[in-house]
Amino acid sequence: MTVYIDPPTWPGHGRLWSHLVSDVSYDELHLFAEELGVPRRAFERDHYDIPSHRYADAVAAGAVEVRSREVVRLLTVAGLRRPKGRAQ
């Protein structure tokens, strides 16, 4: 199982956030997030939003650190990208 996480640089709700993604399946992503203790409500379209204080936990659990552009590329190549505003 390989999941990926970008640096916590995305602002929102008074904190910074990372994106946690899989390049295999949403099932793999949901399983990793569940094992990490991330609530399902943190899932948004094609990724989990991870607050900066949980970044190190995700990496310690096995998430591979990548740049934000790489997150988008991985999702796109895997056919898992769900951009905002598009019909699902």
PDB file of N, CA and C in Angstrom:
ATOM      1  N   MET A   1       0.854  -1.177   0.000  1.00  0.00           N
ATOM      2  CA  MET A   1       0.000   0.000   0.000  1.00  0.00           C
ATOM      3  C   MET A   1       0.895   1.233   0.000  1.00  0.00           C
ATOM      4  N   THR A   2       0.659   2.118  -0.967  1.00  0.00           N
ATOM      5  CA  THR A   2       1.377   3.388  -0.975  1.00  0.00           C
ATOM      6  C   THR A   2       0.372   4.516  -1.090  1.00  0.00           C
ATOM      7  N   VAL A   3       0.425   5.418  -0.163  1.00  0.00           N
ATOM      8  CA  VAL A   3      -0.343   6.649  -0.250  1.00  0.00           C
ATOM      9  C   VAL A   3       0.647   7.801  -0.199  1.00  0.00           C
ATOM     10  N   TYR A   4       0.206   8.949  -0.634  1.00  0.00           N
ATOM     11  CA  TYR A   4       1.076  10.109  -0.785  1.00  0.00           C
ATOM     12  C   TYR A   4       0.488  11.302  -0.053  1.00  0.00           C
ATOM     13  N   ILE A   5       1.363  12.197   0.395  1.00  0.00           N
ATOM     14  CA  ILE A   5       0.923  13.395   1.100  1.00  0.00           C
ATOM     15  C   ILE A   5       1.777  14.571   0.658  1.00  0.00           C
ATOM     16  N   ASP A   6       1.138  15.714   0.431  1.00  0.00           N
ATOM     17  CA  ASP A   6       1.894  16.923   0.090  1.00  0.00           C
ATOM     18  C   ASP A   6       2.115  17.758   1.351  1.00  0.00           C
ATOM     19  N   PRO A   7       3.009  18.732   1.287  1.00  0.00           N
ATOM     20  CA  PRO A   7       3.298  19.549   2.476  1.00  0.00           C
ATOM     21  C   PRO A   7       2.063  20.327   2.935  1.00  0.00           C
ATOM     22  N   PRO A   8       1.979  20.608   4.218  1.00  0.00           N
ATOM     23  CA  PRO A   8       0.832  21.369   4.740  1.00  0.00           C
ATOM     24  C   PRO A   8       0.969  22.859   4.414  1.00  0.00           C
ATOM     25  N   THR A   9       0.543  23.213   3.211  1.00  0.00           N
ATOM     26  CA  THR A   9       0.659  24.606   2.752  1.00  0.00           C
ATOM     27  C   THR A   9      -0.679  25.211   2.356  1.00  0.00           C
ATOM     28  N   TRP A  10      -1.752  24.447   2.477  1.00  0.00           N
ATOM     29  CA  TRP A  10      -3.068  24.910   2.038  1.00  0.00           C
ATOM     30  C   TRP A  10      -3.839  25.487   3.224  1.00  0.00           C
ATOM     31  N   PRO A  11      -4.114  26.810   3.203  1.00  0.00           N
ATOM     32  CA  PRO A  11      -4.799  27.441   4.341  1.00  0.00           C
ATOM     33  C   PRO A  11      -6.304  27.155   4.350  1.00  0.00           C
ATOM     34  N   GLY A  12      -6.839  27.091   5.561  1.00  0.00           N
ATOM     35  CA  GLY A  12      -8.280  26.931   5.728  1.00  0.00           C
ATOM     36  C   GLY A  12      -8.623  26.773   7.188  1.00  0.00           C
ATOM     37  N   HIS A  13      -9.648  27.453   7.615  1.00  0.00           N
ATOM     38  CA  HIS A  13     -10.143  27.345   8.992  1.00  0.00           C
ATOM     39  C   HIS A  13      -9.052  27.639  10.034  1.00  0.00           C
ATOM     40  N   GLY A  14      -8.191  28.593   9.722  1.00  0.00           N
ATOM     41  CA  GLY A  14      -7.180  29.034  10.674  1.00  0.00           C
ATOM     42  C   GLY A  14      -5.980  28.115  10.833  1.00  0.00           C
ATOM     43  N   ARG A  15      -5.808  27.177   9.903  1.00  0.00           N
ATOM     44  CA  ARG A  15      -4.642  26.284   9.963  1.00  0.00           C
ATOM     45  C   ARG A  15      -4.197  25.910   8.556  1.00  0.00           C
ATOM     46  N   LEU A  16      -3.106  25.164   8.455  1.00  0.00           N
ATOM     47  CA  LEU A  16      -2.606  24.697   7.170  1.00  0.00           C
ATOM     48  C   LEU A  16      -2.926  23.209   7.013  1.00  0.00           C
ATOM     49  N   TRP A  17      -3.139  22.807   5.754  1.00  0.00           N
ATOM     50  CA  TRP A  17      -3.583  21.446   5.453  1.00  0.00           C
ATOM     51  C   TRP A  17      -2.726  20.792   4.381  1.00  0.00           C
ATOM     52  N   SER A  18      -2.666  19.473   4.436  1.00  0.00           N
ATOM     53  CA  SER A  18      -2.054  18.630   3.404  1.00  0.00           C
ATOM     54  C   SER A  18      -3.156  17.837   2.725  1.00  0.00           C
ATOM     55  N   HIS A  19      -2.804  17.235   1.590  1.00  0.00           N
ATOM     56  CA  HIS A  19      -3.717  16.339   0.886  1.00  0.00           C
ATOM     57  C   HIS A  19      -3.126  14.935   0.907  1.00  0.00           C
ATOM     58  N   LEU A  20      -3.909  13.973   1.307  1.00  0.00           N
ATOM     59  CA  LEU A  20      -3.510  12.569   1.357  1.00  0.00           C
ATOM     60  C   LEU A  20      -4.236  11.849   0.231  1.00  0.00           C
ATOM     61  N   VAL A  21      -3.488  11.173  -0.658  1.00  0.00           N
ATOM     62  CA  VAL A  21      -4.079  10.522  -1.828  1.00  0.00           C
ATOM     63  C   VAL A  21      -3.504   9.122  -2.035  1.00  0.00           C
ATOM     64  N   SER A  22      -4.206   8.349  -2.833  1.00  0.00           N
ATOM     65  CA  SER A  22      -3.726   7.049  -3.305  1.00  0.00           C
ATOM     66  C   SER A  22      -3.643   7.111  -4.822  1.00  0.00           C
ATOM     67  N   ASP A  23      -2.704   6.361  -5.392  1.00  0.00           N
ATOM     68  CA  ASP A  23      -2.648   6.249  -6.849  1.00  0.00           C
ATOM     69  C   ASP A  23      -3.154   4.882  -7.303  1.00  0.00           C
ATOM     70  N   VAL A  24      -3.835   4.171  -6.377  1.00  0.00           N
ATOM     71  CA  VAL A  24      -4.363   2.846  -6.692  1.00  0.00           C
ATOM     72  C   VAL A  24      -5.894   2.833  -6.627  1.00  0.00           C
ATOM     73  N   SER A  25      -6.440   3.243  -5.468  1.00  0.00           N
ATOM     74  CA  SER A  25      -7.894   3.193  -5.308  1.00  0.00           C
ATOM     75  C   SER A  25      -8.332   4.024  -4.110  1.00  0.00           C
ATOM     76  N   TYR A  26      -9.600   4.373  -4.106  1.00  0.00           N
ATOM     77  CA  TYR A  26     -10.170   5.056  -2.947  1.00  0.00           C
ATOM     78  C   TYR A  26     -10.244   4.103  -1.755  1.00  0.00           C
ATOM     79  N   ASP A  27     -10.449   2.815  -2.032  1.00  0.00           N
ATOM     80  CA  ASP A  27     -10.497   1.834  -0.941  1.00  0.00           C
ATOM     81  C   ASP A  27      -9.175   1.819  -0.176  1.00  0.00           C
ATOM     82  N   GLU A  28      -8.064   1.825  -0.912  1.00  0.00           N
ATOM     83  CA  GLU A  28      -6.751   1.864  -0.278  1.00  0.00           C
ATOM     84  C   GLU A  28      -6.595   3.130   0.563  1.00  0.00           C
ATOM     85  N   LEU A  29      -7.027   4.243   0.016  1.00  0.00           N
ATOM     86  CA  LEU A  29      -6.935   5.523   0.713  1.00  0.00           C
ATOM     87  C   LEU A  29      -7.788   5.526   1.982  1.00  0.00           C
ATOM     88  N   HIS A  30      -9.014   5.044   1.876  1.00  0.00           N
ATOM     89  CA  HIS A  30      -9.898   5.001   3.045  1.00  0.00           C
ATOM     90  C   HIS A  30      -9.334   4.089   4.141  1.00  0.00           C
ATOM     91  N   LEU A  31      -8.751   2.972   3.749  1.00  0.00           N
ATOM     92  CA  LEU A  31      -8.167   2.053   4.727  1.00  0.00           C
ATOM     93  C   LEU A  31      -7.003   2.718   5.460  1.00  0.00           C
ATOM     94  N   PHE A  32      -6.117   3.374   4.727  1.00  0.00           N
ATOM     95  CA  PHE A  32      -4.979   4.058   5.346  1.00  0.00           C
ATOM     96  C   PHE A  32      -5.471   5.136   6.303  1.00  0.00           C
ATOM     97  N   ALA A  33      -6.418   5.940   5.842  1.00  0.00           N
ATOM     98  CA  ALA A  33      -6.949   7.023   6.685  1.00  0.00           C
ATOM     99  C   ALA A  33      -7.598   6.456   7.945  1.00  0.00           C
ATOM    100  N   GLU A  34      -8.343   5.377   7.798  1.00  0.00           N
ATOM    101  CA  GLU A  34      -8.988   4.758   8.960  1.00  0.00           C
ATOM    102  C   GLU A  34      -7.945   4.273   9.967  1.00  0.00           C
ATOM    103  N   GLU A  35      -6.901   3.621   9.463  1.00  0.00           N
ATOM    104  CA  GLU A  35      -5.838   3.136  10.343  1.00  0.00           C
ATOM    105  C   GLU A  35      -5.105   4.286  11.039  1.00  0.00           C
ATOM    106  N   LEU A  36      -5.067   5.441  10.386  1.00  0.00           N
ATOM    107  CA  LEU A  36      -4.429   6.622  10.952  1.00  0.00           C
ATOM    108  C   LEU A  36      -5.358   7.354  11.923  1.00  0.00           C
ATOM    109  N   GLY A  37      -6.634   6.992  11.912  1.00  0.00           N
ATOM    110  CA  GLY A  37      -7.605   7.637  12.780  1.00  0.00           C
ATOM    111  C   GLY A  37      -8.180   8.919  12.216  1.00  0.00           C
ATOM    112  N   VAL A  38      -8.114   9.065  10.902  1.00  0.00           N
ATOM    113  CA  VAL A  38      -8.658  10.249  10.237  1.00  0.00           C
ATOM    114  C   VAL A  38     -10.139  10.015   9.975  1.00  0.00           C
ATOM    115  N   PRO A  39     -11.010  10.931  10.403  1.00  0.00           N
ATOM    116  CA  PRO A  39     -12.453  10.726  10.194  1.00  0.00           C
ATOM    117  C   PRO A  39     -12.833  10.782   8.715  1.00  0.00           C
ATOM    118  N   ARG A  40     -13.814  10.002   8.343  1.00  0.00           N
ATOM    119  CA  ARG A  40     -14.265   9.942   6.937  1.00  0.00           C
ATOM    120  C   ARG A  40     -14.726  11.305   6.442  1.00  0.00           C
ATOM    121  N   ARG A  41     -15.184  12.170   7.330  1.00  0.00           N
ATOM    122  CA  ARG A  41     -15.648  13.502   6.919  1.00  0.00           C
ATOM    123  C   ARG A  41     -14.501  14.351   6.355  1.00  0.00           C
ATOM    124  N   ALA A  42     -13.243  13.932   6.575  1.00  0.00           N
ATOM    125  CA  ALA A  42     -12.087  14.652   6.042  1.00  0.00           C
ATOM    126  C   ALA A  42     -11.830  14.320   4.571  1.00  0.00           C
ATOM    127  N   PHE A  43     -12.603  13.368   4.010  1.00  0.00           N
ATOM    128  CA  PHE A  43     -12.466  12.992   2.597  1.00  0.00           C
ATOM    129  C   PHE A  43     -13.228  13.994   1.740  1.00  0.00           C
ATOM    130  N   GLU A  44     -12.545  14.517   0.728  1.00  0.00           N
ATOM    131  CA  GLU A  44     -13.165  15.486  -0.171  1.00  0.00           C
ATOM    132  C   GLU A  44     -12.864  15.110  -1.619  1.00  0.00           C
ATOM    133  N   ARG A  45     -13.850  14.564  -2.293  1.00  0.00           N
ATOM    134  CA  ARG A  45     -13.804  14.169  -3.702  1.00  0.00           C
ATOM    135  C   ARG A  45     -12.774  13.091  -4.025  1.00  0.00           C
ATOM    136  N   ASP A  46     -11.472  13.382  -3.847  1.00  0.00           N
ATOM    137  CA  ASP A  46     -10.430  12.434  -4.250  1.00  0.00           C
ATOM    138  C   ASP A  46      -9.244  12.392  -3.279  1.00  0.00           C
ATOM    139  N   HIS A  47      -9.399  13.044  -2.127  1.00  0.00           N
ATOM    140  CA  HIS A  47      -8.300  13.129  -1.167  1.00  0.00           C
ATOM    141  C   HIS A  47      -8.837  13.347   0.248  1.00  0.00           C
ATOM    142  N   TYR A  48      -7.966  13.129   1.201  1.00  0.00           N
ATOM    143  CA  TYR A  48      -8.265  13.497   2.583  1.00  0.00           C
ATOM    144  C   TYR A  48      -7.519  14.781   2.906  1.00  0.00           C
ATOM    145  N   ASP A  49      -8.175  15.686   3.597  1.00  0.00           N
ATOM    146  CA  ASP A  49      -7.520  16.881   4.111  1.00  0.00           C
ATOM    147  C   ASP A  49      -6.933  16.527   5.475  1.00  0.00           C
ATOM    148  N   ILE A  50      -5.629  16.732   5.607  1.00  0.00           N
ATOM    149  CA  ILE A  50      -4.908  16.385   6.833  1.00  0.00           C
ATOM    150  C   ILE A  50      -4.339  17.663   7.440  1.00  0.00           C
ATOM    151  N   PRO A  51      -4.687  18.002   8.680  1.00  0.00           N
ATOM    152  CA  PRO A  51      -4.155  19.220   9.300  1.00  0.00           C
ATOM    153  C   PRO A  51      -2.650  19.082   9.551  1.00  0.00           C
ATOM    154  N   SER A  52      -1.973  20.216   9.554  1.00  0.00           N
ATOM    155  CA  SER A  52      -0.512  20.216   9.668  1.00  0.00           C
ATOM    156  C   SER A  52      -0.013  19.457  10.894  1.00  0.00           C
ATOM    157  N   HIS A  53      -0.743  19.483  11.990  1.00  0.00           N
ATOM    158  CA  HIS A  53      -0.266  18.791  13.187  1.00  0.00           C
ATOM    159  C   HIS A  53      -0.341  17.266  13.061  1.00  0.00           C
ATOM    160  N   ARG A  54      -0.987  16.751  12.003  1.00  0.00           N
ATOM    161  CA  ARG A  54      -1.059  15.295  11.763  1.00  0.00           C
ATOM    162  C   ARG A  54      -0.150  14.840  10.624  1.00  0.00           C
ATOM    163  N   TYR A  55       0.536  15.793   9.994  1.00  0.00           N
ATOM    164  CA  TYR A  55       1.412  15.484   8.850  1.00  0.00           C
ATOM    165  C   TYR A  55       2.458  14.436   9.224  1.00  0.00           C
ATOM    166  N   ALA A  56       3.194  14.655  10.301  1.00  0.00           N
ATOM    167  CA  ALA A  56       4.247  13.721  10.718  1.00  0.00           C
ATOM    168  C   ALA A  56       3.669  12.343  11.034  1.00  0.00           C
ATOM    169  N   ASP A  57       2.448  12.296  11.575  1.00  0.00           N
ATOM    170  CA  ASP A  57       1.802  11.013  11.864  1.00  0.00           C
ATOM    171  C   ASP A  57       1.569  10.236  10.572  1.00  0.00           C
ATOM    172  N   ALA A  58       1.102  10.930   9.541  1.00  0.00           N
ATOM    173  CA  ALA A  58       0.838  10.275   8.258  1.00  0.00           C
ATOM    174  C   ALA A  58       2.134   9.746   7.640  1.00  0.00           C
ATOM    175  N   VAL A  59       3.191  10.536   7.710  1.00  0.00           N
ATOM    176  CA  VAL A  59       4.484  10.110   7.169  1.00  0.00           C
ATOM    177  C   VAL A  59       5.019   8.920   7.964  1.00  0.00           C
ATOM    178  N   ALA A  60       4.916   8.975   9.289  1.00  0.00           N
ATOM    179  CA  ALA A  60       5.380   7.868  10.129  1.00  0.00           C
ATOM    180  C   ALA A  60       4.600   6.583   9.844  1.00  0.00           C
ATOM    181  N   ALA A  61       3.333   6.728   9.434  1.00  0.00           N
ATOM    182  CA  ALA A  61       2.494   5.568   9.116  1.00  0.00           C
ATOM    183  C   ALA A  61       2.760   5.022   7.717  1.00  0.00           C
ATOM    184  N   GLY A  62       3.591   5.738   6.937  1.00  0.00           N
ATOM    185  CA  GLY A  62       3.962   5.228   5.619  1.00  0.00           C
ATOM    186  C   GLY A  62       3.613   6.088   4.429  1.00  0.00           C
ATOM    187  N   ALA A  63       2.965   7.228   4.642  1.00  0.00           N
ATOM    188  CA  ALA A  63       2.658   8.111   3.512  1.00  0.00           C
ATOM    189  C   ALA A  63       3.962   8.662   2.937  1.00  0.00           C
ATOM    190  N   VAL A  64       4.047   8.686   1.625  1.00  0.00           N
ATOM    191  CA  VAL A  64       5.230   9.179   0.928  1.00  0.00           C
ATOM    192  C   VAL A  64       5.063  10.672   0.679  1.00  0.00           C
ATOM    193  N   GLU A  65       6.071  11.434   1.064  1.00  0.00           N
ATOM    194  CA  GLU A  65       6.039  12.888   0.889  1.00  0.00           C
ATOM    195  C   GLU A  65       6.318  13.250  -0.570  1.00  0.00           C
ATOM    196  N   VAL A  66       5.410  14.051  -1.158  1.00  0.00           N
ATOM    197  CA  VAL A  66       5.562  14.528  -2.529  1.00  0.00           C
ATOM    198  C   VAL A  66       5.124  15.988  -2.604  1.00  0.00           C
ATOM    199  N   ARG A  67       5.490  16.645  -3.675  1.00  0.00           N
ATOM    200  CA  ARG A  67       5.038  18.020  -3.898  1.00  0.00           C
ATOM    201  C   ARG A  67       3.567  18.024  -4.298  1.00  0.00           C
ATOM    202  N   SER A  68       2.940  19.176  -4.133  1.00  0.00           N
ATOM    203  CA  SER A  68       1.514  19.299  -4.457  1.00  0.00           C
ATOM    204  C   SER A  68       1.219  18.967  -5.914  1.00  0.00           C
ATOM    205  N   ARG A  69       2.074  19.385  -6.813  1.00  0.00           N
ATOM    206  CA  ARG A  69       1.866  19.065  -8.238  1.00  0.00           C
ATOM    207  C   ARG A  69       1.892  17.566  -8.484  1.00  0.00           C
ATOM    208  N   GLU A  70       2.717  16.870  -7.722  1.00  0.00           N
ATOM    209  CA  GLU A  70       2.805  15.427  -7.872  1.00  0.00           C
ATOM    210  C   GLU A  70       1.519  14.755  -7.407  1.00  0.00           C
ATOM    211  N   VAL A  71       0.876  15.289  -6.391  1.00  0.00           N
ATOM    212  CA  VAL A  71      -0.410  14.760  -5.937  1.00  0.00           C
ATOM    213  C   VAL A  71      -1.414  14.799  -7.088  1.00  0.00           C
ATOM    214  N   VAL A  72      -1.504  15.918  -7.769  1.00  0.00           N
ATOM    215  CA  VAL A  72      -2.436  16.061  -8.887  1.00  0.00           C
ATOM    216  C   VAL A  72      -2.064  15.098 -10.010  1.00  0.00           C
ATOM    217  N   ARG A  73      -0.777  14.987 -10.320  1.00  0.00           N
ATOM    218  CA  ARG A  73      -0.331  14.093 -11.388  1.00  0.00           C
ATOM    219  C   ARG A  73      -0.669  12.637 -11.058  1.00  0.00           C
ATOM    220  N   LEU A  74      -0.388  12.217  -9.829  1.00  0.00           N
ATOM    221  CA  LEU A  74      -0.674  10.842  -9.423  1.00  0.00           C
ATOM    222  C   LEU A  74      -2.164  10.523  -9.553  1.00  0.00           C
ATOM    223  N   LEU A  75      -3.009  11.423  -9.092  1.00  0.00           N
ATOM    224  CA  LEU A  75      -4.457  11.211  -9.193  1.00  0.00           C
ATOM    225  C   LEU A  75      -4.910  11.151 -10.650  1.00  0.00           C
ATOM    226  N   THR A  76      -4.377  12.038 -11.470  1.00  0.00           N
ATOM    227  CA  THR A  76      -4.769  12.098 -12.877  1.00  0.00           C
ATOM    228  C   THR A  76      -4.367  10.829 -13.616  1.00  0.00           C
ATOM    229  N   VAL A  77      -3.123  10.403 -13.467  1.00  0.00           N
ATOM    230  CA  VAL A  77      -2.625   9.200 -14.139  1.00  0.00           C
ATOM    231  C   VAL A  77      -3.414   7.964 -13.701  1.00  0.00           C
ATOM    232  N   ALA A  78      -3.782   7.917 -12.427  1.00  0.00           N
ATOM    233  CA  ALA A  78      -4.534   6.774 -11.897  1.00  0.00           C
ATOM    234  C   ALA A  78      -6.015   6.811 -12.279  1.00  0.00           C
ATOM    235  N   GLY A  79      -6.470   7.929 -12.851  1.00  0.00           N
ATOM    236  CA  GLY A  79      -7.885   8.062 -13.187  1.00  0.00           C
ATOM    237  C   GLY A  79      -8.762   8.331 -11.979  1.00  0.00           C
ATOM    238  N   LEU A  80      -8.150   8.815 -10.899  1.00  0.00           N
ATOM    239  CA  LEU A  80      -8.886   9.062  -9.653  1.00  0.00           C
ATOM    240  C   LEU A  80      -9.139  10.543  -9.385  1.00  0.00           C
ATOM    241  N   ARG A  81      -8.707  11.425 -10.260  1.00  0.00           N
ATOM    242  CA  ARG A  81      -8.855  12.863 -10.037  1.00  0.00           C
ATOM    243  C   ARG A  81     -10.310  13.262 -10.201  1.00  0.00           C
ATOM    244  N   ARG A  82     -10.843  14.000  -9.234  1.00  0.00           N
ATOM    245  CA  ARG A  82     -12.207  14.526  -9.276  1.00  0.00           C
ATOM    246  C   ARG A  82     -12.153  16.010  -8.977  1.00  0.00           C
ATOM    247  N   PRO A  83     -11.891  16.830  -9.990  1.00  0.00           N
ATOM    248  CA  PRO A  83     -11.790  18.285  -9.774  1.00  0.00           C
ATOM    249  C   PRO A  83     -13.105  18.889  -9.303  1.00  0.00           C
ATOM    250  N   LYS A  84     -13.006  19.982  -8.572  1.00  0.00           N
ATOM    251  CA  LYS A  84     -14.200  20.720  -8.140  1.00  0.00           C
ATOM    252  C   LYS A  84     -14.977  21.176  -9.353  1.00  0.00           C
ATOM    253  N   GLY A  85     -16.291  21.185  -9.207  1.00  0.00           N
ATOM    254  CA  GLY A  85     -17.147  21.728 -10.251  1.00  0.00           C
ATOM    255  C   GLY A  85     -17.484  20.769 -11.376  1.00  0.00           C
ATOM    256  N   ARG A  86     -16.917  19.586 -11.395  1.00  0.00           N
ATOM    257  CA  ARG A  86     -17.237  18.614 -12.427  1.00  0.00           C
ATOM    258  C   ARG A  86     -18.254  17.615 -11.919  1.00  0.00           C
ATOM    259  N   ALA A  87     -19.134  17.190 -12.806  1.00  0.00           N
ATOM    260  CA  ALA A  87     -20.105  16.161 -12.426  1.00  0.00           C
ATOM    261  C   ALA A  87     -19.368  14.875 -12.112  1.00  0.00           C
ATOM    262  N   GLN A  88     -19.834  14.161 -11.122  1.00  0.00           N
ATOM    263  CA  GLN A  88     -19.172  12.923 -10.709  1.00  0.00           C
ATOM    264  C   GLN A  88     -19.726  11.740 -11.465  1.00  0.00           C
TER     265      GLN A  88
END
